[in-house]
């Protein structure tokens, strides 16, 4: 009886150990690259792959300046040689019409083979790049998303547009509106922890889909931010 009881305790402890540690082993680590890294080579992406990264998100725009990243087609092509999942993100120039800007970007990205079955993330940060009016900002974003959705459906989801944001940026720019919470959230929170456990709901999102958990990291002859899902 005592032996069986002790065995049950050991079994229970083993079960707890597995429950605690298995999720960490299943964590998927990725990276994102800005326009400022230039034409990142295939060998650099091979290096990132060998360092344990499994997905990438590349900036399709030209920083805060209007226009596409001139290297985007080459960089995405190089990345796809090593990563099956390569998304793109857009840092919008809100001084332009949302519909005309997104139409120009999306058509070019489709034509260049950058957009196939991947996601498009819109980067919401930097109140200096947005209006002081939350309602104007919400309208601009709504028009941008609607335009992208009308032009691109390759990801196979109801919408191929995700939102990059943090509570500290979303609240002042969008007044913490929840009207976009049906879109996937790429959450920026630099705590060096590849975990969603410290997420505090905002903007109607109860959990993120991706977390950017670490800022500029120099590795493999380039500079990345580190991400997790």
Protein backbone atom coordinates (compact mmCIF):
# COMPACT_ATOMS: atom_id res chain seq x y z
CA UNK A 1 0.00 0.00 0.00
CA UNK A 2 2.72 2.47 0.94
CA UNK A 3 4.75 1.58 -2.15
CA UNK A 4 1.74 2.18 -4.40
CA UNK A 5 0.97 5.45 -2.62
CA UNK A 6 4.56 6.62 -3.08
CA UNK A 7 4.45 5.62 -6.74
CA UNK A 8 1.26 7.66 -7.22
CA UNK A 9 2.98 10.71 -5.72
CA UNK A 10 5.98 10.26 -8.00
CA UNK A 11 3.68 9.87 -11.01
CA UNK A 12 1.75 12.99 -10.06
CA UNK A 13 4.94 14.99 -9.63
CA UNK A 14 6.19 13.79 -13.01
CA UNK A 15 2.90 14.85 -14.60
CA UNK A 16 3.20 18.31 -13.06
CA UNK A 17 6.79 18.57 -14.29
CA UNK A 18 5.71 17.72 -17.84
CA UNK A 19 2.84 20.21 -17.78
CA UNK A 20 5.10 23.00 -16.66
CA UNK A 21 8.00 22.42 -19.02
CA UNK A 22 6.51 21.06 -22.25
CA UNK A 23 5.00 24.38 -23.41
CA UNK A 24 8.41 26.08 -23.19
CA UNK A 25 9.91 23.43 -25.45
CA UNK A 26 7.15 24.12 -27.98
CA UNK A 27 7.87 27.86 -28.12
CA UNK A 28 8.52 29.12 -31.64
CA UNK A 29 11.13 31.85 -31.88
CA UNK A 30 11.26 34.33 -34.73
CA UNK A 31 12.67 37.68 -35.76
CA UNK A 32 11.72 40.86 -37.55
CA UNK A 33 13.89 43.01 -39.77
CA UNK A 34 13.54 46.69 -40.59
CA UNK A 35 14.17 48.42 -43.90
CA UNK A 36 17.34 49.90 -42.41
CA UNK A 37 19.09 46.50 -42.51
CA UNK A 38 19.31 46.70 -46.29
CA UNK A 39 19.53 43.69 -48.58
CA UNK A 40 20.00 40.88 -46.05
CA UNK A 41 21.63 37.88 -47.72
CA UNK A 42 20.60 34.24 -47.90
CA UNK A 43 23.67 33.29 -45.86
CA UNK A 44 22.56 35.67 -43.10
CA UNK A 45 19.16 34.00 -43.00
CA UNK A 46 20.84 30.59 -42.98
CA UNK A 47 22.77 31.77 -39.94
CA UNK A 48 19.55 32.92 -38.23
CA UNK A 49 17.97 29.54 -38.93
CA UNK A 50 20.94 27.74 -37.39
CA UNK A 51 20.57 29.95 -34.32
CA UNK A 52 17.07 28.64 -33.66
CA UNK A 53 14.80 31.16 -35.38
CA UNK A 54 11.82 29.67 -37.22
CA UNK A 55 9.88 32.57 -38.73
CA UNK A 56 10.48 36.11 -39.92
CA UNK A 57 8.64 39.38 -40.49
CA UNK A 58 10.23 41.88 -42.90
CA UNK A 59 9.45 45.59 -43.18
CA UNK A 60 7.87 46.25 -46.57
CA UNK A 61 7.82 50.03 -46.19
CA UNK A 62 10.62 52.56 -46.05
CA UNK A 63 10.63 53.37 -42.36
CA UNK A 64 8.35 56.31 -41.56
CA UNK A 65 8.93 57.68 -45.06
CA UNK A 66 6.38 57.05 -47.83
CA UNK A 67 7.40 54.31 -50.21
CA UNK A 68 8.30 50.65 -50.35
CA UNK A 69 11.49 49.14 -49.02
CA UNK A 70 13.61 48.90 -52.21
CA UNK A 71 15.09 45.61 -50.95
CA UNK A 72 11.83 43.93 -49.96
CA UNK A 73 11.56 41.53 -52.91
CA UNK A 74 15.16 40.37 -52.58
CA UNK A 75 15.08 40.09 -48.79
CA UNK A 76 11.85 38.08 -48.72
CA UNK A 77 13.15 35.81 -51.49
CA UNK A 78 16.36 35.21 -49.55
CA UNK A 79 14.44 34.57 -46.31
CA UNK A 80 12.12 32.07 -47.98
CA UNK A 81 15.08 29.88 -48.83
CA UNK A 82 15.31 29.09 -45.12
CA UNK A 83 11.94 29.95 -43.55
CA UNK A 84 8.52 28.77 -44.73
CA UNK A 85 6.78 31.56 -42.83
CA UNK A 86 7.84 35.08 -43.88
CA UNK A 87 5.33 37.87 -43.25
CA UNK A 88 5.70 41.57 -43.98
CA UNK A 89 4.88 44.69 -41.99
CA UNK A 90 4.07 48.23 -43.05
CA UNK A 91 4.91 51.38 -41.12
CA UNK A 92 2.30 53.69 -42.63
CA UNK A 93 2.76 57.30 -43.68
CA UNK A 94 -0.55 58.74 -42.51
CA UNK A 95 -0.01 62.01 -44.33
CA UNK A 96 -1.20 60.15 -47.44
CA UNK A 97 -4.61 58.73 -48.19
CA UNK A 98 -4.90 55.28 -46.63
CA UNK A 99 -6.59 53.78 -49.69
CA UNK A 100 -4.11 55.17 -52.22
CA UNK A 101 -1.07 54.26 -50.11
CA UNK A 102 -2.20 50.70 -49.44
CA UNK A 103 -3.34 50.17 -53.02
CA UNK A 104 0.10 51.20 -54.27
CA UNK A 105 1.92 49.03 -51.73
CA UNK A 106 -0.21 45.89 -51.99
CA UNK A 107 -0.35 45.82 -55.78
CA UNK A 108 3.44 46.19 -55.97
CA UNK A 109 4.04 43.51 -53.33
CA UNK A 110 1.74 41.10 -55.12
CA UNK A 111 3.36 41.82 -58.47
CA UNK A 112 6.84 41.20 -57.03
CA UNK A 113 5.81 37.89 -55.45
CA UNK A 114 6.26 39.19 -51.91
CA UNK A 115 2.61 38.57 -51.01
CA UNK A 116 1.56 34.99 -51.64
CA UNK A 117 0.08 33.24 -48.60
CA UNK A 118 1.57 35.42 -45.87
CA UNK A 119 0.25 38.09 -43.51
CA UNK A 120 0.48 41.89 -43.68
CA UNK A 121 1.01 43.60 -40.31
CA UNK A 122 0.36 47.32 -39.81
CA UNK A 123 2.73 48.96 -37.34
CA UNK A 124 0.92 51.30 -34.95
CA UNK A 125 3.42 53.31 -32.92
CA UNK A 126 4.83 56.81 -32.61
CA UNK A 127 2.09 59.33 -31.90
CA UNK A 128 4.14 61.93 -33.80
CA UNK A 129 3.33 60.03 -37.00
CA UNK A 130 -0.42 60.13 -36.40
CA UNK A 131 -3.12 62.73 -35.94
CA UNK A 132 -3.89 64.10 -32.49
CA UNK A 133 -7.46 62.92 -33.13
CA UNK A 134 -8.13 59.30 -32.22
CA UNK A 135 -11.24 59.22 -34.40
CA UNK A 136 -9.21 60.36 -37.41
CA UNK A 137 -6.61 57.70 -36.69
CA UNK A 138 -9.26 55.01 -36.34
CA UNK A 139 -10.81 56.05 -39.65
CA UNK A 140 -7.41 56.00 -41.38
CA UNK A 141 -6.62 52.51 -40.08
CA UNK A 142 -10.08 51.21 -40.94
CA UNK A 143 -9.69 52.46 -44.53
CA UNK A 144 -6.20 50.98 -44.79
CA UNK A 145 -7.37 47.56 -43.61
CA UNK A 146 -10.43 47.62 -45.86
CA UNK A 147 -8.23 48.44 -48.85
CA UNK A 148 -5.78 45.62 -48.12
CA UNK A 149 -8.63 43.15 -47.56
CA UNK A 150 -10.16 44.08 -50.92
CA UNK A 151 -6.87 43.50 -52.75
CA UNK A 152 -5.28 40.53 -51.00
CA UNK A 153 -6.75 37.34 -49.56
CA UNK A 154 -3.83 34.97 -50.05
CA UNK A 155 -3.39 33.94 -46.41
CA UNK A 156 -6.65 32.00 -46.45
CA UNK A 157 -8.12 33.75 -43.41
CA UNK A 158 -11.07 36.13 -43.22
CA UNK A 159 -8.50 38.94 -43.13
CA UNK A 160 -4.79 38.87 -43.88
CA UNK A 161 -4.13 42.05 -41.89
CA UNK A 162 -2.68 41.96 -38.39
CA UNK A 163 -1.91 44.80 -35.97
CA UNK A 164 1.47 45.50 -34.38
CA UNK A 165 0.93 47.48 -31.18
CA UNK A 166 1.56 47.86 -27.49
CA UNK A 167 -0.79 49.28 -24.89
CA UNK A 168 1.50 52.29 -24.44
CA UNK A 169 1.13 53.19 -28.14
CA UNK A 170 -2.39 51.96 -28.89
CA UNK A 171 -4.00 53.97 -26.12
CA UNK A 172 -2.77 57.46 -27.10
CA UNK A 173 -3.03 56.86 -30.86
CA UNK A 174 -6.29 54.90 -31.01
CA UNK A 175 -7.80 55.74 -27.59
CA UNK A 176 -7.78 52.03 -26.76
CA UNK A 177 -10.59 51.28 -29.23
CA UNK A 178 -11.63 47.64 -29.48
CA UNK A 179 -13.02 47.87 -33.03
CA UNK A 180 -9.93 46.16 -34.50
CA UNK A 181 -9.73 43.29 -32.03
CA UNK A 182 -10.88 40.80 -34.68
CA UNK A 183 -7.42 41.21 -36.22
CA UNK A 184 -4.43 39.26 -34.98
CA UNK A 185 -2.21 41.11 -32.52
CA UNK A 186 1.57 41.28 -32.72
CA UNK A 187 2.31 42.62 -29.26
CA UNK A 188 5.41 44.66 -28.50
CA UNK A 189 6.65 44.25 -24.93
CA UNK A 190 10.37 44.19 -24.24
CA UNK A 191 10.89 42.03 -21.18
CA UNK A 192 13.24 39.46 -22.77
CA UNK A 193 10.69 36.74 -22.01
CA UNK A 194 9.40 34.47 -24.77
CA UNK A 195 6.04 34.12 -23.07
CA UNK A 196 2.49 35.52 -23.21
CA UNK A 197 2.01 35.07 -19.47
CA UNK A 198 2.55 38.76 -18.69
CA UNK A 199 0.05 40.07 -21.24
CA UNK A 200 -2.50 42.56 -19.91
CA UNK A 201 -5.57 42.94 -22.18
CA UNK A 202 -6.00 46.16 -24.12
CA UNK A 203 -7.85 47.27 -27.24
CA UNK A 204 -10.28 44.37 -26.96
CA UNK A 205 -7.52 41.76 -27.32
CA UNK A 206 -7.54 39.07 -24.65
CA UNK A 207 -4.28 37.54 -25.87
CA UNK A 208 -1.64 38.22 -28.54
CA UNK A 209 -0.74 36.03 -31.50
CA UNK A 210 2.92 37.06 -31.57
CA UNK A 211 5.08 38.85 -29.02
CA UNK A 212 8.06 41.04 -29.84
CA UNK A 213 9.92 40.50 -26.60
CA UNK A 214 13.40 41.86 -27.28
CA UNK A 215 14.64 44.88 -29.21
CA UNK A 216 17.73 45.38 -31.34
CA UNK A 217 19.87 42.24 -31.28
CA UNK A 218 23.05 42.04 -33.36
CA UNK A 219 23.50 38.61 -34.86
CA UNK A 220 24.40 36.98 -38.18
CA UNK A 221 25.79 40.20 -39.74
CA UNK A 222 22.49 42.02 -39.25
CA UNK A 223 20.25 43.45 -36.52
CA UNK A 224 16.91 41.94 -35.57
CA UNK A 225 14.16 42.22 -33.00
CA UNK A 226 13.20 38.93 -31.38
CA UNK A 227 9.69 37.50 -31.51
CA UNK A 228 7.78 34.52 -30.18
CA UNK A 229 4.53 32.63 -30.61
